[in-house]
């Protein structure tokens, strides 16, 4: 973690030193949130939206086997069957 001392301009502007921008991968256009606290301020990069919607994810995980009937998918799980650490079933 790098530390730098900077000076506030007469217009209230600061320049984040290049070595810190490079360390944080902050390029031109990076949105930064300024959070105030009793001890000072903290700068945080605003997470970028990926532009993905839920609808874009449909079909992402493909099932290579034969389709399962809905009845099989909705069948309750039998919790009375225990599986031990070796993977064998016991009752």
PDB file of N, CA and C in Angstrom:
ATOM      1  N   UNK A   1       0.853  -1.168   0.000  1.00  0.00           N
ATOM      2  CA  UNK A   1       0.000   0.000   0.000  1.00  0.00           C
ATOM      3  C   UNK A   1       0.899   1.231   0.000  1.00  0.00           C
ATOM      4  N   UNK A   2       0.645   2.110  -0.921  1.00  0.00           N
ATOM      5  CA  UNK A   2       1.453   3.316  -1.099  1.00  0.00           C
ATOM      6  C   UNK A   2       0.803   4.488  -0.385  1.00  0.00           C
ATOM      7  N   UNK A   3       1.620   5.366   0.193  1.00  0.00           N
ATOM      8  CA  UNK A   3       1.135   6.572   0.851  1.00  0.00           C
ATOM      9  C   UNK A   3       1.722   7.778   0.132  1.00  0.00           C
ATOM     10  N   UNK A   4       0.900   8.811  -0.062  1.00  0.00           N
ATOM     11  CA  UNK A   4       1.371  10.028  -0.716  1.00  0.00           C
ATOM     12  C   UNK A   4       0.734  11.230  -0.041  1.00  0.00           C
ATOM     13  N   UNK A   5       1.455  12.348  -0.045  1.00  0.00           N
ATOM     14  CA  UNK A   5       0.925  13.608   0.464  1.00  0.00           C
ATOM     15  C   UNK A   5       0.620  14.485  -0.738  1.00  0.00           C
ATOM     16  N   UNK A   6      -0.596  15.019  -0.779  1.00  0.00           N
ATOM     17  CA  UNK A   6      -1.005  15.866  -1.890  1.00  0.00           C
ATOM     18  C   UNK A   6      -1.517  17.192  -1.337  1.00  0.00           C
ATOM     19  N   UNK A   7      -1.662  18.186  -2.199  1.00  0.00           N
ATOM     20  CA  UNK A   7      -2.103  19.508  -1.776  1.00  0.00           C
ATOM     21  C   UNK A   7      -3.426  19.845  -2.447  1.00  0.00           C
ATOM     22  N   UNK A   8      -4.335  20.378  -1.670  1.00  0.00           N
ATOM     23  CA  UNK A   8      -5.637  20.798  -2.178  1.00  0.00           C
ATOM     24  C   UNK A   8      -5.463  22.120  -2.924  1.00  0.00           C
ATOM     25  N   UNK A   9      -5.984  22.189  -4.154  1.00  0.00           N
ATOM     26  CA  UNK A   9      -5.848  23.411  -4.943  1.00  0.00           C
ATOM     27  C   UNK A   9      -6.836  24.464  -4.445  1.00  0.00           C
ATOM     28  N   UNK A  10      -6.701  25.690  -4.950  1.00  0.00           N
ATOM     29  CA  UNK A  10      -7.613  26.769  -4.556  1.00  0.00           C
ATOM     30  C   UNK A  10      -9.039  26.498  -5.034  1.00  0.00           C
ATOM     31  N   UNK A  11      -9.196  25.618  -6.007  1.00  0.00           N
ATOM     32  CA  UNK A  11     -10.526  25.255  -6.511  1.00  0.00           C
ATOM     33  C   UNK A  11     -11.047  23.969  -5.880  1.00  0.00           C
ATOM     34  N   UNK A  12     -10.351  23.453  -4.844  1.00  0.00           N
ATOM     35  CA  UNK A  12     -10.793  22.256  -4.145  1.00  0.00           C
ATOM     36  C   UNK A  12     -10.450  20.970  -4.868  1.00  0.00           C
ATOM     37  N   UNK A  13      -9.504  21.006  -5.797  1.00  0.00           N
ATOM     38  CA  UNK A  13      -9.140  19.823  -6.561  1.00  0.00           C
ATOM     39  C   UNK A  13      -7.898  19.168  -5.994  1.00  0.00           C
ATOM     40  N   UNK A  14      -7.824  17.850  -6.163  1.00  0.00           N
ATOM     41  CA  UNK A  14      -6.628  17.105  -5.794  1.00  0.00           C
ATOM     42  C   UNK A  14      -6.222  16.247  -6.979  1.00  0.00           C
ATOM     43  N   UNK A  15      -4.948  15.941  -7.072  1.00  0.00           N
ATOM     44  CA  UNK A  15      -4.437  15.045  -8.098  1.00  0.00           C
ATOM     45  C   UNK A  15      -3.962  13.788  -7.389  1.00  0.00           C
ATOM     46  N   UNK A  16      -4.505  12.646  -7.801  1.00  0.00           N
ATOM     47  CA  UNK A  16      -4.071  11.370  -7.232  1.00  0.00           C
ATOM     48  C   UNK A  16      -2.802  10.978  -7.982  1.00  0.00           C
ATOM     49  N   UNK A  17      -1.694  10.784  -7.263  1.00  0.00           N
ATOM     50  CA  UNK A  17      -0.425  10.479  -7.928  1.00  0.00           C
ATOM     51  C   UNK A  17      -0.524   9.247  -8.833  1.00  0.00           C
ATOM     52  N   UNK A  18       0.227   9.267  -9.924  1.00  0.00           N
ATOM     53  CA  UNK A  18       0.195   8.203 -10.913  1.00  0.00           C
ATOM     54  C   UNK A  18       0.510   6.848 -10.303  1.00  0.00           C
ATOM     55  N   UNK A  19       1.467   6.768  -9.411  1.00  0.00           N
ATOM     56  CA  UNK A  19       1.829   5.472  -8.824  1.00  0.00           C
ATOM     57  C   UNK A  19       0.653   4.856  -8.063  1.00  0.00           C
ATOM     58  N   UNK A  20      -0.160   5.685  -7.427  1.00  0.00           N
ATOM     59  CA  UNK A  20      -1.329   5.175  -6.712  1.00  0.00           C
ATOM     60  C   UNK A  20      -2.422   4.801  -7.707  1.00  0.00           C
ATOM     61  N   UNK A  21      -2.633   5.634  -8.726  1.00  0.00           N
ATOM     62  CA  UNK A  21      -3.629   5.291  -9.756  1.00  0.00           C
ATOM     63  C   UNK A  21      -3.272   3.978 -10.436  1.00  0.00           C
ATOM     64  N   UNK A  22      -1.987   3.778 -10.720  1.00  0.00           N
ATOM     65  CA  UNK A  22      -1.542   2.529 -11.348  1.00  0.00           C
ATOM     66  C   UNK A  22      -1.742   1.336 -10.406  1.00  0.00           C
ATOM     67  N   UNK A  23      -1.420   1.528  -9.141  1.00  0.00           N
ATOM     68  CA  UNK A  23      -1.568   0.456  -8.151  1.00  0.00           C
ATOM     69  C   UNK A  23      -3.027   0.019  -8.023  1.00  0.00           C
ATOM     70  N   UNK A  24      -3.953   0.986  -8.106  1.00  0.00           N
ATOM     71  CA  UNK A  24      -5.378   0.698  -7.954  1.00  0.00           C
ATOM     72  C   UNK A  24      -6.077   0.435  -9.281  1.00  0.00           C
ATOM     73  N   UNK A  25      -5.338   0.527 -10.388  1.00  0.00           N
ATOM     74  CA  UNK A  25      -5.897   0.343 -11.733  1.00  0.00           C
ATOM     75  C   UNK A  25      -7.016   1.349 -12.009  1.00  0.00           C
ATOM     76  N   UNK A  26      -6.798   2.595 -11.579  1.00  0.00           N
ATOM     77  CA  UNK A  26      -7.747   3.677 -11.824  1.00  0.00           C
ATOM     78  C   UNK A  26      -7.294   4.425 -13.073  1.00  0.00           C
ATOM     79  N   UNK A  27      -8.056   4.276 -14.136  1.00  0.00           N
ATOM     80  CA  UNK A  27      -7.760   4.959 -15.388  1.00  0.00           C
ATOM     81  C   UNK A  27      -8.653   6.181 -15.534  1.00  0.00           C
ATOM     82  N   UNK A  28      -8.414   6.952 -16.561  1.00  0.00           N
ATOM     83  CA  UNK A  28      -9.250   8.100 -16.859  1.00  0.00           C
ATOM     84  C   UNK A  28     -10.691   7.624 -17.017  1.00  0.00           C
ATOM     85  N   UNK A  29     -11.612   8.302 -16.383  1.00  0.00           N
ATOM     86  CA  UNK A  29     -13.024   7.937 -16.458  1.00  0.00           C
ATOM     87  C   UNK A  29     -13.499   7.053 -15.319  1.00  0.00           C
ATOM     88  N   UNK A  30     -12.582   6.583 -14.472  1.00  0.00           N
ATOM     89  CA  UNK A  30     -12.978   5.769 -13.328  1.00  0.00           C
ATOM     90  C   UNK A  30     -13.802   6.620 -12.382  1.00  0.00           C
ATOM     91  N   UNK A  31     -14.991   6.128 -12.014  1.00  0.00           N
ATOM     92  CA  UNK A  31     -15.816   6.860 -11.054  1.00  0.00           C
ATOM     93  C   UNK A  31     -15.336   6.525  -9.642  1.00  0.00           C
ATOM     94  N   UNK A  32     -15.191   7.566  -8.826  1.00  0.00           N
ATOM     95  CA  UNK A  32     -14.676   7.411  -7.473  1.00  0.00           C
ATOM     96  C   UNK A  32     -15.672   8.020  -6.497  1.00  0.00           C
ATOM     97  N   UNK A  33     -16.008   7.267  -5.455  1.00  0.00           N
ATOM     98  CA  UNK A  33     -16.894   7.762  -4.404  1.00  0.00           C
ATOM     99  C   UNK A  33     -16.028   8.349  -3.289  1.00  0.00           C
ATOM    100  N   UNK A  34     -16.420   9.499  -2.791  1.00  0.00           N
ATOM    101  CA  UNK A  34     -15.737  10.166  -1.690  1.00  0.00           C
ATOM    102  C   UNK A  34     -16.603  10.000  -0.459  1.00  0.00           C
ATOM    103  N   UNK A  35     -16.087   9.284   0.561  1.00  0.00           N
ATOM    104  CA  UNK A  35     -16.847   8.990   1.769  1.00  0.00           C
ATOM    105  C   UNK A  35     -16.214   9.736   2.932  1.00  0.00           C
ATOM    106  N   UNK A  36     -16.997  10.595   3.598  1.00  0.00           N
ATOM    107  CA  UNK A  36     -16.449  11.358   4.725  1.00  0.00           C
ATOM    108  C   UNK A  36     -16.690  10.620   6.037  1.00  0.00           C
ATOM    109  N   UNK A  37     -15.781  10.837   6.969  1.00  0.00           N
ATOM    110  CA  UNK A  37     -15.914  10.268   8.314  1.00  0.00           C
ATOM    111  C   UNK A  37     -15.312  11.257   9.302  1.00  0.00           C
ATOM    112  N   UNK A  38     -15.387  10.925  10.566  1.00  0.00           N
ATOM    113  CA  UNK A  38     -14.850  11.821  11.594  1.00  0.00           C
ATOM    114  C   UNK A  38     -13.332  11.977  11.469  1.00  0.00           C
ATOM    115  N   UNK A  39     -12.659  10.962  10.927  1.00  0.00           N
ATOM    116  CA  UNK A  39     -11.203  11.019  10.836  1.00  0.00           C
ATOM    117  C   UNK A  39     -10.693  11.543   9.497  1.00  0.00           C
ATOM    118  N   UNK A  40     -11.574  11.783   8.540  1.00  0.00           N
ATOM    119  CA  UNK A  40     -11.136  12.297   7.251  1.00  0.00           C
ATOM    120  C   UNK A  40     -12.034  11.811   6.131  1.00  0.00           C
ATOM    121  N   UNK A  41     -11.441  11.496   4.989  1.00  0.00           N
ATOM    122  CA  UNK A  41     -12.202  11.011   3.851  1.00  0.00           C
ATOM    123  C   UNK A  41     -11.554   9.747   3.293  1.00  0.00           C
ATOM    124  N   UNK A  42     -12.373   8.969   2.610  1.00  0.00           N
ATOM    125  CA  UNK A  42     -11.883   7.762   1.961  1.00  0.00           C
ATOM    126  C   UNK A  42     -12.358   7.795   0.517  1.00  0.00           C
ATOM    127  N   UNK A  43     -11.473   7.435  -0.406  1.00  0.00           N
ATOM    128  CA  UNK A  43     -11.827   7.338  -1.812  1.00  0.00           C
ATOM    129  C   UNK A  43     -12.003   5.866  -2.161  1.00  0.00           C
ATOM    130  N   UNK A  44     -13.112   5.561  -2.853  1.00  0.00           N
ATOM    131  CA  UNK A  44     -13.377   4.188  -3.271  1.00  0.00           C
ATOM    132  C   UNK A  44     -13.839   4.205  -4.717  1.00  0.00           C
ATOM    133  N   UNK A  45     -13.318   3.284  -5.508  1.00  0.00           N
ATOM    134  CA  UNK A  45     -13.787   3.169  -6.891  1.00  0.00           C
ATOM    135  C   UNK A  45     -15.212   2.636  -6.870  1.00  0.00           C
ATOM    136  N   UNK A  46     -16.065   3.239  -7.681  1.00  0.00           N
ATOM    137  CA  UNK A  46     -17.450   2.784  -7.802  1.00  0.00           C
ATOM    138  C   UNK A  46     -17.434   1.544  -8.693  1.00  0.00           C
ATOM    139  N   UNK A  47     -18.017   0.430  -8.228  1.00  0.00           N
ATOM    140  CA  UNK A  47     -18.021  -0.775  -9.067  1.00  0.00           C
ATOM    141  C   UNK A  47     -18.704  -0.510 -10.400  1.00  0.00           C
ATOM    142  N   UNK A  48     -18.108  -1.009 -11.465  1.00  0.00           N
ATOM    143  CA  UNK A  48     -18.678  -0.821 -12.791  1.00  0.00           C
ATOM    144  C   UNK A  48     -19.788  -1.833 -13.015  1.00  0.00           C
ATOM    145  N   UNK A  49     -20.842  -1.397 -13.634  1.00  0.00           N
ATOM    146  CA  UNK A  49     -21.918  -2.300 -13.999  1.00  0.00           C
ATOM    147  C   UNK A  49     -21.457  -3.106 -15.197  1.00  0.00           C
ATOM    148  N   UNK A  50     -21.759  -4.390 -15.168  1.00  0.00           N
ATOM    149  CA  UNK A  50     -21.317  -5.253 -16.257  1.00  0.00           C
ATOM    150  C   UNK A  50     -22.244  -5.169 -17.457  1.00  0.00           C
ATOM    151  N   UNK A  51     -23.432  -4.603 -17.264  1.00  0.00           N
ATOM    152  CA  UNK A  51     -24.380  -4.521 -18.357  1.00  0.00           C
ATOM    153  C   UNK A  51     -25.153  -5.807 -18.564  1.00  0.00           C
ATOM    154  N   UNK A  52     -24.890  -6.803 -17.718  1.00  0.00           N
ATOM    155  CA  UNK A  52     -25.608  -8.069 -17.839  1.00  0.00           C
ATOM    156  C   UNK A  52     -26.922  -7.994 -17.089  1.00  0.00           C
ATOM    157  N   UNK A  53     -27.901  -8.561 -17.704  1.00  0.00           N
ATOM    158  CA  UNK A  53     -29.199  -8.687 -17.060  1.00  0.00           C
ATOM    159  C   UNK A  53     -29.439 -10.159 -16.800  1.00  0.00           C
ATOM    160  N   UNK A  54     -30.408 -10.447 -15.965  1.00  0.00           N
ATOM    161  CA  UNK A  54     -30.734 -11.829 -15.664  1.00  0.00           C
ATOM    162  C   UNK A  54     -31.069 -12.580 -16.947  1.00  0.00           C
ATOM    163  N   UNK A  55     -31.776 -11.932 -17.835  1.00  0.00           N
ATOM    164  CA  UNK A  55     -32.169 -12.575 -19.091  1.00  0.00           C
ATOM    165  C   UNK A  55     -30.939 -12.981 -19.910  1.00  0.00           C
ATOM    166  N   UNK A  56     -29.825 -12.261 -19.758  1.00  0.00           N
ATOM    167  CA  UNK A  56     -28.616 -12.600 -20.491  1.00  0.00           C
ATOM    168  C   UNK A  56     -27.972 -13.888 -19.977  1.00  0.00           C
ATOM    169  N   UNK A  57     -28.307 -14.295 -18.754  1.00  0.00           N
ATOM    170  CA  UNK A  57     -27.684 -15.465 -18.148  1.00  0.00           C
ATOM    171  C   UNK A  57     -28.428 -16.761 -18.434  1.00  0.00           C
ATOM    172  N   UNK A  58     -29.633 -16.661 -18.971  1.00  0.00           N
ATOM    173  CA  UNK A  58     -30.417 -17.856 -19.261  1.00  0.00           C
ATOM    174  C   UNK A  58     -29.678 -18.691 -20.296  1.00  0.00           C
ATOM    175  N   UNK A  59     -29.525 -19.972 -19.990  1.00  0.00           N
ATOM    176  CA  UNK A  59     -28.825 -20.881 -20.890  1.00  0.00           C
ATOM    177  C   UNK A  59     -27.329 -20.913 -20.678  1.00  0.00           C
ATOM    178  N   UNK A  60     -26.816 -20.169 -19.693  1.00  0.00           N
ATOM    179  CA  UNK A  60     -25.385 -20.130 -19.438  1.00  0.00           C
ATOM    180  C   UNK A  60     -24.864 -21.492 -18.979  1.00  0.00           C
ATOM    181  N   UNK A  61     -25.617 -22.167 -18.109  1.00  0.00           N
ATOM    182  CA  UNK A  61     -25.224 -23.478 -17.608  1.00  0.00           C
ATOM    183  C   UNK A  61     -25.980 -24.539 -18.401  1.00  0.00           C
ATOM    184  N   UNK A  62     -25.292 -25.210 -19.255  1.00  0.00           N
ATOM    185  CA  UNK A  62     -25.919 -26.199 -20.127  1.00  0.00           C
ATOM    186  C   UNK A  62     -25.828 -27.582 -19.495  1.00  0.00           C
ATOM    187  N   UNK A  63     -26.890 -28.373 -19.650  1.00  0.00           N
ATOM    188  CA  UNK A  63     -26.930 -29.751 -19.184  1.00  0.00           C
ATOM    189  C   UNK A  63     -26.657 -30.640 -20.376  1.00  0.00           C
ATOM    190  N   UNK A  64     -25.582 -31.450 -20.309  1.00  0.00           N
ATOM    191  CA  UNK A  64     -25.173 -32.257 -21.451  1.00  0.00           C
ATOM    192  C   UNK A  64     -25.941 -33.573 -21.560  1.00  0.00           C
ATOM    193  N   UNK A  65     -26.578 -34.009 -20.473  1.00  0.00           N
ATOM    194  CA  UNK A  65     -27.269 -35.292 -20.493  1.00  0.00           C
ATOM    195  C   UNK A  65     -28.674 -35.184 -21.056  1.00  0.00           C
ATOM    196  N   UNK A  66     -29.419 -36.266 -20.869  1.00  0.00           N
ATOM    197  CA  UNK A  66     -30.802 -36.264 -21.320  1.00  0.00           C
ATOM    198  C   UNK A  66     -31.626 -35.367 -20.413  1.00  0.00           C
ATOM    199  N   UNK A  67     -32.660 -34.759 -20.946  1.00  0.00           N
ATOM    200  CA  UNK A  67     -33.493 -33.876 -20.124  1.00  0.00           C
ATOM    201  C   UNK A  67     -34.184 -34.656 -19.015  1.00  0.00           C
ATOM    202  N   UNK A  68     -34.281 -34.039 -17.853  1.00  0.00           N
ATOM    203  CA  UNK A  68     -34.973 -34.650 -16.725  1.00  0.00           C
ATOM    204  C   UNK A  68     -36.419 -34.186 -16.724  1.00  0.00           C
ATOM    205  N   UNK A  69     -37.352 -35.099 -16.461  1.00  0.00           N
ATOM    206  CA  UNK A  69     -38.748 -34.671 -16.379  1.00  0.00           C
ATOM    207  C   UNK A  69     -38.971 -33.778 -15.166  1.00  0.00           C
ATOM    208  N   UNK A  70     -39.929 -32.902 -15.265  1.00  0.00           N
ATOM    209  CA  UNK A  70     -40.228 -31.967 -14.180  1.00  0.00           C
ATOM    210  C   UNK A  70     -40.557 -32.707 -12.894  1.00  0.00           C
ATOM    211  N   UNK A  71     -41.247 -33.850 -13.017  1.00  0.00           N
ATOM    212  CA  UNK A  71     -41.590 -34.633 -11.829  1.00  0.00           C
ATOM    213  C   UNK A  71     -40.334 -35.065 -11.075  1.00  0.00           C
ATOM    214  N   UNK A  72     -39.284 -35.438 -11.821  1.00  0.00           N
ATOM    215  CA  UNK A  72     -38.029 -35.865 -11.200  1.00  0.00           C
ATOM    216  C   UNK A  72     -37.333 -34.683 -10.518  1.00  0.00           C
ATOM    217  N   UNK A  73     -37.362 -33.509 -11.153  1.00  0.00           N
ATOM    218  CA  UNK A  73     -36.739 -32.325 -10.579  1.00  0.00           C
ATOM    219  C   UNK A  73     -37.446 -31.864  -9.309  1.00  0.00           C
ATOM    220  N   UNK A  74     -38.765 -32.053  -9.266  1.00  0.00           N
ATOM    221  CA  UNK A  74     -39.563 -31.567  -8.132  1.00  0.00           C
ATOM    222  C   UNK A  74     -39.736 -32.615  -7.041  1.00  0.00           C
ATOM    223  N   UNK A  75     -39.175 -33.810  -7.231  1.00  0.00           N
ATOM    224  CA  UNK A  75     -39.315 -34.876  -6.251  1.00  0.00           C
ATOM    225  C   UNK A  75     -38.632 -34.461  -4.948  1.00  0.00           C
ATOM    226  N   UNK A  76     -39.285 -34.702  -3.799  1.00  0.00           N
ATOM    227  CA  UNK A  76     -38.670 -34.341  -2.524  1.00  0.00           C
ATOM    228  C   UNK A  76     -37.380 -35.131  -2.288  1.00  0.00           C
ATOM    229  N   UNK A  77     -36.478 -34.533  -1.535  1.00  0.00           N
ATOM    230  CA  UNK A  77     -35.220 -35.177  -1.196  1.00  0.00           C
ATOM    231  C   UNK A  77     -35.452 -36.061   0.020  1.00  0.00           C
ATOM    232  N   UNK A  78     -34.927 -37.278  -0.013  1.00  0.00           N
ATOM    233  CA  UNK A  78     -35.058 -38.212   1.101  1.00  0.00           C
ATOM    234  C   UNK A  78     -33.890 -37.977   2.057  1.00  0.00           C
ATOM    235  N   UNK A  79     -34.166 -37.317   3.175  1.00  0.00           N
ATOM    236  CA  UNK A  79     -33.125 -37.017   4.152  1.00  0.00           C
ATOM    237  C   UNK A  79     -32.879 -38.168   5.117  1.00  0.00           C
ATOM    238  N   UNK A  80     -33.647 -39.267   4.993  1.00  0.00           N
ATOM    239  CA  UNK A  80     -33.450 -40.395   5.904  1.00  0.00           C
ATOM    240  C   UNK A  80     -32.233 -41.219   5.505  1.00  0.00           C
ATOM    241  N   UNK A  81     -31.732 -41.041   4.291  1.00  0.00           N
ATOM    242  CA  UNK A  81     -30.556 -41.773   3.842  1.00  0.00           C
ATOM    243  C   UNK A  81     -29.333 -40.907   4.130  1.00  0.00           C
ATOM    244  N   UNK A  82     -28.433 -41.453   4.945  1.00  0.00           N
ATOM    245  CA  UNK A  82     -27.209 -40.729   5.276  1.00  0.00           C
ATOM    246  C   UNK A  82     -26.088 -41.179   4.357  1.00  0.00           C
ATOM    247  N   UNK A  83     -25.208 -40.265   4.039  1.00  0.00           N
ATOM    248  CA  UNK A  83     -24.010 -40.601   3.270  1.00  0.00           C
ATOM    249  C   UNK A  83     -22.830 -40.292   4.158  1.00  0.00           C
ATOM    250  N   UNK A  84     -21.987 -41.326   4.423  1.00  0.00           N
ATOM    251  CA  UNK A  84     -20.841 -41.105   5.295  1.00  0.00           C
ATOM    252  C   UNK A  84     -19.683 -40.481   4.516  1.00  0.00           C
ATOM    253  N   UNK A  85     -18.582 -40.234   5.194  1.00  0.00           N
ATOM    254  CA  UNK A  85     -17.442 -39.549   4.595  1.00  0.00           C
ATOM    255  C   UNK A  85     -16.846 -40.302   3.417  1.00  0.00           C
ATOM    256  N   UNK A  86     -17.003 -41.626   3.389  1.00  0.00           N
ATOM    257  CA  UNK A  86     -16.442 -42.402   2.275  1.00  0.00           C
ATOM    258  C   UNK A  86     -17.320 -42.341   1.051  1.00  0.00           C
ATOM    259  N   UNK A  87     -18.539 -41.800   1.177  1.00  0.00           N
ATOM    260  CA  UNK A  87     -19.451 -41.690   0.049  1.00  0.00           C
ATOM    261  C   UNK A  87     -20.425 -42.836  -0.038  1.00  0.00           C
ATOM    262  N   UNK A  88     -20.339 -43.816   0.893  1.00  0.00           N
ATOM    263  CA  UNK A  88     -21.281 -44.932   0.844  1.00  0.00           C
ATOM    264  C   UNK A  88     -22.531 -44.589   1.652  1.00  0.00           C
ATOM    265  N   UNK A  89     -23.617 -45.187   1.241  1.00  0.00           N
ATOM    266  CA  UNK A  89     -24.898 -44.902   1.899  1.00  0.00           C
ATOM    267  C   UNK A  89     -25.102 -45.845   3.071  1.00  0.00           C
ATOM    268  N   UNK A  90     -25.682 -45.313   4.102  1.00  0.00           N
ATOM    269  CA  UNK A  90     -26.023 -46.132   5.255  1.00  0.00           C
ATOM    270  C   UNK A  90     -27.355 -45.698   5.790  1.00  0.00           C
ATOM    271  N   UNK A  91     -27.999 -46.482   6.595  1.00  0.00           N
ATOM    272  CA  UNK A  91     -29.286 -46.134   7.173  1.00  0.00           C
ATOM    273  C   UNK A  91     -29.220 -46.051   8.652  1.00  0.00           C
TER     274      UNK A  91
END
